[in-house]
């Protein structure tokens, strides 16, 4: 389950930044995880709660935005929804499709509480 290593990396990244900002704790984390990123959001949430124990992120709420996959045809330029990396253009039937959205994985923001509050 690679979600645990991802959760540990998220905790490390947000805890480091929160410490730099003088935070007492992290109450929320906003993530963007595209549907084609290969990460299961529910598994990540489960792993995150375990990875965050004893850190500034313990108890933080994960909010996950999941953009759909979008492909663009290299022949006719049409953009269309995709659910897999190998797709066929619905207009010209070309297989020269580039994924332009849906592979994202990033920490968009976090909410921190000041020390002593």
N, C-alpha and C. Protein backbone atom coordinates (compact mmCIF):
# COMPACT_ATOMS: atom_id res chain seq x y z
N UNK A 1 0.85 -1.17 0.00
CA UNK A 1 0.00 0.00 0.00
C UNK A 1 0.90 1.24 0.00
N UNK A 2 1.05 1.87 -1.14
CA UNK A 2 1.92 3.03 -1.23
C UNK A 2 1.29 4.29 -0.62
N UNK A 3 0.01 4.23 -0.29
CA UNK A 3 -0.64 5.37 0.35
C UNK A 3 0.00 5.71 1.70
N UNK A 4 0.54 4.71 2.41
CA UNK A 4 1.18 4.99 3.70
C UNK A 4 2.43 5.83 3.49
N UNK A 5 3.25 5.50 2.51
CA UNK A 5 4.45 6.32 2.27
C UNK A 5 4.06 7.72 1.81
N UNK A 6 2.99 7.84 1.06
CA UNK A 6 2.50 9.15 0.64
C UNK A 6 2.02 9.93 1.86
N UNK A 7 1.27 9.27 2.74
CA UNK A 7 0.76 9.93 3.95
C UNK A 7 1.92 10.40 4.83
N UNK A 8 2.95 9.58 4.97
CA UNK A 8 4.12 9.98 5.76
C UNK A 8 4.80 11.20 5.15
N UNK A 9 4.89 11.24 3.83
CA UNK A 9 5.51 12.38 3.15
C UNK A 9 4.68 13.65 3.34
N UNK A 10 3.36 13.52 3.30
CA UNK A 10 2.48 14.68 3.52
C UNK A 10 2.68 15.20 4.93
N UNK A 11 2.65 14.29 5.91
CA UNK A 11 2.82 14.70 7.31
C UNK A 11 4.16 15.41 7.49
N UNK A 12 5.22 14.86 6.94
CA UNK A 12 6.54 15.47 7.07
C UNK A 12 6.56 16.87 6.45
N UNK A 13 5.98 17.00 5.27
CA UNK A 13 5.99 18.30 4.57
C UNK A 13 5.19 19.36 5.32
N UNK A 14 3.98 19.01 5.75
CA UNK A 14 3.15 20.01 6.42
C UNK A 14 3.66 20.32 7.82
N UNK A 15 4.19 19.31 8.51
CA UNK A 15 4.72 19.55 9.86
C UNK A 15 5.94 20.45 9.81
N UNK A 16 6.79 20.25 8.83
CA UNK A 16 7.97 21.09 8.67
C UNK A 16 7.56 22.54 8.41
N UNK A 17 6.63 22.73 7.50
CA UNK A 17 6.17 24.09 7.17
C UNK A 17 5.46 24.71 8.38
N UNK A 18 4.64 23.95 9.08
CA UNK A 18 3.93 24.47 10.25
C UNK A 18 4.90 24.90 11.33
N UNK A 19 5.96 24.12 11.54
CA UNK A 19 6.97 24.49 12.54
C UNK A 19 7.67 25.79 12.15
N UNK A 20 7.97 25.93 10.86
CA UNK A 20 8.59 27.17 10.38
C UNK A 20 7.69 28.38 10.65
N UNK A 21 6.38 28.16 10.60
CA UNK A 21 5.41 29.23 10.81
C UNK A 21 5.06 29.43 12.28
N UNK A 22 5.62 28.59 13.17
CA UNK A 22 5.35 28.70 14.60
C UNK A 22 3.98 28.19 15.01
N UNK A 23 3.46 27.23 14.27
CA UNK A 23 2.13 26.69 14.56
C UNK A 23 2.15 25.76 15.76
N UNK A 24 1.03 25.73 16.46
CA UNK A 24 0.85 24.79 17.55
C UNK A 24 0.31 23.47 17.05
N UNK A 25 -0.52 23.56 16.00
CA UNK A 25 -1.06 22.35 15.38
C UNK A 25 -1.63 22.66 14.01
N UNK A 26 -1.85 21.61 13.25
CA UNK A 26 -2.44 21.71 11.91
C UNK A 26 -3.87 21.17 12.03
N UNK A 27 -4.85 21.97 11.63
CA UNK A 27 -6.23 21.51 11.77
C UNK A 27 -6.84 21.02 10.46
N UNK A 28 -6.26 21.40 9.34
CA UNK A 28 -6.80 20.96 8.05
C UNK A 28 -5.76 21.01 6.96
N UNK A 29 -5.91 20.10 6.00
CA UNK A 29 -5.01 20.03 4.85
C UNK A 29 -5.87 19.82 3.61
N UNK A 30 -5.65 20.68 2.61
CA UNK A 30 -6.36 20.56 1.33
C UNK A 30 -5.43 19.96 0.29
N UNK A 31 -5.84 18.85 -0.28
CA UNK A 31 -5.05 18.16 -1.30
C UNK A 31 -5.78 18.17 -2.64
N UNK A 32 -5.02 18.10 -3.72
CA UNK A 32 -5.57 17.88 -5.05
C UNK A 32 -4.96 16.57 -5.53
N UNK A 33 -5.83 15.58 -5.78
CA UNK A 33 -5.38 14.26 -6.24
C UNK A 33 -6.23 13.90 -7.46
N UNK A 34 -5.64 13.99 -8.63
CA UNK A 34 -6.37 13.65 -9.86
C UNK A 34 -6.78 12.19 -9.89
N UNK A 35 -7.87 11.94 -10.59
CA UNK A 35 -8.40 10.58 -10.69
C UNK A 35 -7.43 9.61 -11.38
N UNK A 36 -6.46 10.14 -12.10
CA UNK A 36 -5.47 9.29 -12.79
C UNK A 36 -4.15 9.22 -12.04
N UNK A 37 -4.08 9.77 -10.84
CA UNK A 37 -2.83 9.84 -10.09
C UNK A 37 -2.42 8.49 -9.49
N UNK A 38 -3.32 7.53 -9.46
CA UNK A 38 -2.98 6.23 -8.91
C UNK A 38 -2.98 6.18 -7.39
N UNK A 39 -3.71 7.11 -6.78
CA UNK A 39 -3.79 7.17 -5.32
C UNK A 39 -5.25 7.03 -4.92
N UNK A 40 -5.53 6.12 -4.00
CA UNK A 40 -6.88 5.92 -3.51
C UNK A 40 -7.14 6.88 -2.34
N UNK A 41 -7.99 7.89 -2.52
CA UNK A 41 -8.21 8.89 -1.47
C UNK A 41 -8.66 8.30 -0.13
N UNK A 42 -9.52 7.31 -0.13
CA UNK A 42 -9.98 6.73 1.14
C UNK A 42 -8.85 6.00 1.85
N UNK A 43 -8.03 5.30 1.10
CA UNK A 43 -6.86 4.63 1.70
C UNK A 43 -5.88 5.66 2.24
N UNK A 44 -5.71 6.75 1.51
CA UNK A 44 -4.81 7.80 1.96
C UNK A 44 -5.31 8.42 3.27
N UNK A 45 -6.61 8.66 3.37
CA UNK A 45 -7.17 9.22 4.60
C UNK A 45 -6.93 8.28 5.78
N UNK A 46 -7.13 7.00 5.56
CA UNK A 46 -6.91 6.01 6.61
C UNK A 46 -5.45 6.01 7.05
N UNK A 47 -4.55 5.98 6.08
CA UNK A 47 -3.11 5.98 6.38
C UNK A 47 -2.68 7.29 7.02
N UNK A 48 -3.27 8.39 6.58
CA UNK A 48 -2.90 9.69 7.13
C UNK A 48 -3.18 9.75 8.62
N UNK A 49 -4.31 9.24 9.05
CA UNK A 49 -4.63 9.30 10.48
C UNK A 49 -3.59 8.55 11.31
N UNK A 50 -3.07 7.45 10.79
CA UNK A 50 -2.03 6.70 11.49
C UNK A 50 -0.68 7.43 11.41
N UNK A 51 -0.36 7.97 10.24
CA UNK A 51 0.93 8.64 10.04
C UNK A 51 1.03 9.93 10.86
N UNK A 52 -0.11 10.56 11.11
CA UNK A 52 -0.11 11.86 11.79
C UNK A 52 -0.07 11.75 13.31
N UNK A 53 -0.27 10.55 13.85
CA UNK A 53 -0.28 10.39 15.31
C UNK A 53 1.01 10.92 15.93
N UNK A 54 0.86 11.75 16.97
CA UNK A 54 2.00 12.29 17.68
C UNK A 54 2.70 13.45 16.97
N UNK A 55 2.10 13.97 15.89
CA UNK A 55 2.69 15.09 15.15
C UNK A 55 1.77 16.30 15.23
N UNK A 56 2.22 17.41 14.70
CA UNK A 56 1.37 18.61 14.64
C UNK A 56 0.12 18.39 13.79
N UNK A 57 0.14 17.39 12.94
CA UNK A 57 -0.99 17.11 12.04
C UNK A 57 -2.00 16.12 12.63
N UNK A 58 -1.76 15.64 13.84
CA UNK A 58 -2.70 14.69 14.44
C UNK A 58 -4.07 15.34 14.57
N UNK A 59 -5.08 14.66 14.06
CA UNK A 59 -6.46 15.16 14.11
C UNK A 59 -6.82 16.10 12.97
N UNK A 60 -5.87 16.42 12.10
CA UNK A 60 -6.16 17.30 10.96
C UNK A 60 -7.15 16.64 10.01
N UNK A 61 -8.01 17.44 9.43
CA UNK A 61 -8.99 16.96 8.47
C UNK A 61 -8.41 17.09 7.07
N UNK A 62 -8.44 15.99 6.31
CA UNK A 62 -7.99 16.02 4.92
C UNK A 62 -9.19 16.32 4.02
N UNK A 63 -9.08 17.36 3.23
CA UNK A 63 -10.09 17.66 2.20
C UNK A 63 -9.41 17.38 0.87
N UNK A 64 -10.04 16.52 0.07
CA UNK A 64 -9.41 16.09 -1.18
C UNK A 64 -10.28 16.46 -2.37
N UNK A 65 -9.70 17.26 -3.27
CA UNK A 65 -10.34 17.59 -4.55
C UNK A 65 -9.81 16.57 -5.56
N UNK A 66 -10.72 15.97 -6.34
CA UNK A 66 -10.34 14.92 -7.29
C UNK A 66 -10.71 15.31 -8.72
N UNK A 67 -9.84 16.08 -9.40
CA UNK A 67 -10.15 16.44 -10.79
C UNK A 67 -10.23 15.20 -11.69
N UNK A 68 -11.17 15.26 -12.61
CA UNK A 68 -11.34 14.18 -13.59
C UNK A 68 -10.18 14.17 -14.57
N UNK A 69 -9.98 13.04 -15.22
CA UNK A 69 -8.98 12.95 -16.27
C UNK A 69 -9.48 13.60 -17.54
N UNK A 70 -8.60 14.34 -18.20
CA UNK A 70 -8.92 14.97 -19.48
C UNK A 70 -7.78 14.69 -20.44
N UNK A 71 -8.14 14.26 -21.64
CA UNK A 71 -7.15 14.01 -22.68
C UNK A 71 -7.32 15.01 -23.82
N UNK A 72 -6.23 15.20 -24.55
CA UNK A 72 -6.28 16.08 -25.72
C UNK A 72 -5.73 15.31 -26.91
N UNK A 73 -6.48 15.31 -27.99
CA UNK A 73 -6.08 14.60 -29.20
C UNK A 73 -4.95 15.34 -29.91
N UNK A 74 -3.90 14.60 -30.27
CA UNK A 74 -2.77 15.17 -30.98
C UNK A 74 -3.04 15.40 -32.45
N UNK A 75 -4.13 14.85 -32.96
CA UNK A 75 -4.49 15.02 -34.37
C UNK A 75 -5.45 16.19 -34.57
N UNK A 76 -6.58 16.16 -33.85
CA UNK A 76 -7.62 17.18 -34.09
C UNK A 76 -7.74 18.21 -32.98
N UNK A 77 -7.04 17.99 -31.85
CA UNK A 77 -7.05 18.97 -30.77
C UNK A 77 -8.23 18.90 -29.81
N UNK A 78 -9.14 17.95 -30.03
CA UNK A 78 -10.31 17.84 -29.16
C UNK A 78 -9.89 17.42 -27.75
N UNK A 79 -10.51 18.06 -26.76
CA UNK A 79 -10.33 17.66 -25.36
C UNK A 79 -11.57 16.89 -24.93
N UNK A 80 -11.33 15.82 -24.15
CA UNK A 80 -12.44 14.96 -23.75
C UNK A 80 -12.09 14.22 -22.47
N UNK A 81 -13.11 13.77 -21.72
CA UNK A 81 -12.86 13.05 -20.48
C UNK A 81 -12.23 11.68 -20.75
N UNK A 82 -11.27 11.31 -19.90
CA UNK A 82 -10.64 9.99 -19.98
C UNK A 82 -10.62 9.38 -18.58
N UNK A 83 -10.68 8.07 -18.55
CA UNK A 83 -10.61 7.38 -17.27
C UNK A 83 -9.42 6.43 -17.20
N UNK A 84 -8.63 6.44 -18.27
CA UNK A 84 -7.47 5.56 -18.34
C UNK A 84 -6.42 6.24 -19.21
N UNK A 85 -5.18 5.84 -19.10
CA UNK A 85 -4.10 6.48 -19.84
C UNK A 85 -4.15 6.24 -21.34
N UNK A 86 -4.69 5.14 -21.77
CA UNK A 86 -4.78 4.84 -23.19
C UNK A 86 -6.20 5.13 -23.63
N UNK A 87 -6.34 6.13 -24.49
CA UNK A 87 -7.67 6.55 -24.91
C UNK A 87 -7.68 6.80 -26.42
N UNK A 88 -8.87 6.76 -26.94
CA UNK A 88 -9.08 7.02 -28.36
C UNK A 88 -9.92 8.28 -28.47
N UNK A 89 -9.55 9.17 -29.37
CA UNK A 89 -10.31 10.39 -29.59
C UNK A 89 -11.72 10.02 -30.07
N UNK A 90 -12.74 10.57 -29.42
CA UNK A 90 -14.10 10.23 -29.83
C UNK A 90 -14.48 10.84 -31.18
N UNK A 91 -13.75 11.84 -31.67
CA UNK A 91 -14.06 12.46 -32.95
C UNK A 91 -13.34 11.81 -34.11
N UNK A 92 -11.98 11.79 -34.05
CA UNK A 92 -11.21 11.31 -35.20
C UNK A 92 -10.64 9.91 -35.02
N UNK A 93 -10.83 9.32 -33.86
CA UNK A 93 -10.38 7.96 -33.53
C UNK A 93 -8.86 7.82 -33.42
N UNK A 94 -8.15 8.92 -33.36
CA UNK A 94 -6.70 8.87 -33.20
C UNK A 94 -6.36 8.34 -31.81
N UNK A 95 -5.21 7.67 -31.72
CA UNK A 95 -4.71 7.18 -30.44
C UNK A 95 -3.60 8.09 -29.91
N UNK A 96 -3.34 9.19 -30.59
CA UNK A 96 -2.33 10.16 -30.15
C UNK A 96 -2.97 11.12 -29.14
N UNK A 97 -3.22 10.60 -27.96
CA UNK A 97 -3.91 11.36 -26.92
C UNK A 97 -2.92 11.65 -25.79
N UNK A 98 -2.88 12.91 -25.39
CA UNK A 98 -2.03 13.34 -24.28
C UNK A 98 -2.93 13.66 -23.09
N UNK A 99 -2.56 13.16 -21.93
CA UNK A 99 -3.31 13.47 -20.71
C UNK A 99 -2.94 14.89 -20.29
N UNK A 100 -3.95 15.76 -20.14
CA UNK A 100 -3.70 17.15 -19.77
C UNK A 100 -4.22 17.49 -18.37
N UNK A 101 -4.98 16.59 -17.79
CA UNK A 101 -5.49 16.81 -16.43
C UNK A 101 -5.85 15.46 -15.83
N UNK A 102 -5.76 15.40 -14.50
CA UNK A 102 -6.15 14.18 -13.80
C UNK A 102 -4.99 13.45 -13.14
N UNK A 103 -3.75 13.89 -13.41
CA UNK A 103 -2.58 13.26 -12.81
C UNK A 103 -2.05 14.06 -11.62
N UNK A 104 -2.72 15.16 -11.28
CA UNK A 104 -2.24 16.05 -10.24
C UNK A 104 -2.13 15.35 -8.88
N UNK A 105 -1.14 15.77 -8.13
CA UNK A 105 -1.04 15.40 -6.73
C UNK A 105 -0.27 16.51 -6.03
N UNK A 106 -0.95 17.29 -5.21
CA UNK A 106 -0.28 18.39 -4.53
C UNK A 106 -1.00 18.76 -3.25
N UNK A 107 -0.22 19.33 -2.35
CA UNK A 107 -0.76 19.91 -1.13
C UNK A 107 -1.12 21.34 -1.50
N UNK A 108 -2.40 21.63 -1.55
CA UNK A 108 -2.84 22.95 -1.98
C UNK A 108 -2.74 23.98 -0.86
N UNK A 109 -3.15 23.59 0.35
CA UNK A 109 -3.07 24.51 1.48
C UNK A 109 -3.22 23.73 2.77
N UNK A 110 -2.95 24.44 3.87
CA UNK A 110 -3.18 23.84 5.19
C UNK A 110 -3.64 24.95 6.13
N UNK A 111 -4.39 24.54 7.12
CA UNK A 111 -4.86 25.47 8.15
C UNK A 111 -4.09 25.16 9.42
N UNK A 112 -3.46 26.19 9.97
CA UNK A 112 -2.69 25.99 11.18
C UNK A 112 -3.26 26.83 12.32
N UNK A 113 -3.04 26.35 13.52
CA UNK A 113 -3.45 27.05 14.72
C UNK A 113 -2.18 27.53 15.40
N UNK A 114 -2.22 28.77 15.87
CA UNK A 114 -1.04 29.30 16.54
C UNK A 114 -0.80 28.62 17.87
N UNK A 115 0.43 28.60 18.26
CA UNK A 115 0.83 28.01 19.55
C UNK A 115 0.09 28.73 20.68
N UNK A 116 -0.46 27.97 21.59
CA UNK A 116 -1.12 28.55 22.76
C UNK A 116 -2.58 28.89 22.56
N UNK A 117 -3.12 28.67 21.38
CA UNK A 117 -4.55 28.98 21.15
C UNK A 117 -5.37 27.73 21.29
